[in-house]
Amino acid sequence: MQTRVAIIGIIVENPGSVSRLNEILHEYGEYIIGRMGIPYREKGINIISIAIDAPQDVISSLAGKVGRLDGVQAKTAYSTILSDGENR
């Protein structure tokens, strides 16, 4: 199965969505390489970046679920390099 590396940038403006966001990220934990979260208290938002190595459909599914949460935006940047998935 071919995989690719991607970064999902997430902005959380609704604190009520954080619990569900964490549940979704946990569901995809086997694909997540790393996660960095920055609370921007002055603006009342959270900024999260997710590094992921997964098949294209898994990345799209994760980003779609996250982006459908109330008060949450997600954008994805993809690597152009495809791999066989064995180095995850």
Protein backbone atom coordinates (compact mmCIF):
# COMPACT_ATOMS: atom_id res chain seq x y z
CA MET A 1 0.00 0.00 0.00
CA GLN A 2 1.47 3.34 -1.03
CA THR A 3 1.74 6.07 1.58
CA ARG A 4 2.82 9.66 1.55
CA VAL A 5 3.89 12.15 4.15
CA ALA A 6 1.68 15.15 4.82
CA ILE A 7 1.26 17.96 7.30
CA ILE A 8 -2.20 18.90 8.50
CA GLY A 9 -2.44 22.41 9.92
CA ILE A 10 -5.35 22.87 12.32
CA ILE A 11 -6.79 26.03 13.86
CA VAL A 12 -9.23 25.52 16.73
CA GLU A 13 -11.45 28.50 17.50
CA ASN A 14 -14.15 26.59 19.41
CA PRO A 15 -12.86 25.04 22.66
CA GLY A 16 -15.94 22.81 22.70
CA SER A 17 -14.55 20.88 19.72
CA VAL A 18 -11.22 19.98 21.36
CA SER A 19 -12.45 16.76 22.96
CA ARG A 20 -13.85 15.40 19.69
CA LEU A 21 -10.71 16.54 17.83
CA ASN A 22 -8.55 14.54 20.24
CA GLU A 23 -10.79 11.48 19.76
CA ILE A 24 -10.41 11.72 15.99
CA LEU A 25 -6.62 12.11 16.22
CA HIS A 26 -6.48 9.08 18.53
CA GLU A 27 -8.40 7.03 15.92
CA TYR A 28 -5.64 7.77 13.40
CA GLY A 29 -2.78 7.42 15.88
CA GLU A 30 -1.09 4.57 14.02
CA TYR A 31 -0.38 6.93 11.11
CA ILE A 32 0.62 10.04 13.05
CA ILE A 33 4.37 10.68 13.12
CA GLY A 34 4.16 13.65 15.47
CA ARG A 35 1.95 16.40 16.77
CA MET A 36 2.63 19.91 18.01
CA GLY A 37 0.03 22.06 19.69
CA ILE A 38 0.38 25.72 20.56
CA PRO A 39 -2.24 27.49 22.67
CA TYR A 40 -2.46 31.11 21.54
CA ARG A 41 -4.13 32.45 24.65
CA GLU A 42 -4.14 36.09 23.55
CA LYS A 43 -6.37 35.17 20.59
CA GLY A 44 -8.27 32.37 22.33
CA ILE A 45 -7.31 29.76 19.73
CA ASN A 46 -5.18 26.64 19.48
CA ILE A 47 -2.80 25.94 16.62
CA ILE A 48 -1.98 22.30 15.94
CA SER A 49 0.22 20.67 13.33
CA ILE A 50 0.08 16.96 12.59
CA ALA A 51 2.77 15.10 10.65
CA ILE A 52 1.32 11.93 9.12
CA ASP A 53 2.52 9.06 6.92
CA ALA A 54 -0.51 7.26 5.50
CA PRO A 55 -2.33 6.27 2.32
CA GLN A 56 -3.92 9.21 0.50
CA ASP A 57 -7.46 8.20 1.43
CA VAL A 58 -6.59 8.00 5.14
CA ILE A 59 -5.05 11.48 5.09
CA SER A 60 -8.09 12.88 3.28
CA SER A 61 -10.46 11.16 5.69
CA LEU A 62 -8.67 12.53 8.75
CA ALA A 63 -8.50 16.07 7.36
CA GLY A 64 -12.15 15.93 6.35
CA LYS A 65 -13.35 14.77 9.76
CA VAL A 66 -11.29 17.44 11.49
CA GLY A 67 -12.42 20.18 9.12
CA ARG A 68 -16.09 19.36 9.70
CA LEU A 69 -15.83 20.06 13.43
CA ASP A 70 -17.51 23.26 14.60
CA GLY A 71 -15.03 26.12 14.83
CA VAL A 72 -12.12 24.07 13.43
CA GLN A 73 -10.26 24.67 10.17
CA ALA A 74 -7.81 22.21 8.62
CA LYS A 75 -5.50 22.46 5.62
CA THR A 76 -3.21 19.76 4.30
CA ALA A 77 0.15 19.97 2.51
CA TYR A 78 1.36 16.79 0.82
CA SER A 79 4.80 15.48 -0.05
CA THR A 80 5.11 14.43 -3.67
CA ILE A 81 7.08 11.32 -2.69
CA LEU A 82 5.15 8.06 -2.49
CA SER A 83 6.50 5.11 -0.52
CA ASP A 84 5.53 1.48 -0.09
CA GLY A 85 4.47 2.10 3.52
CA GLU A 86 6.97 -0.26 5.13
CA ASN A 87 9.09 2.52 6.68
CA ARG A 88 6.30 3.85 8.88
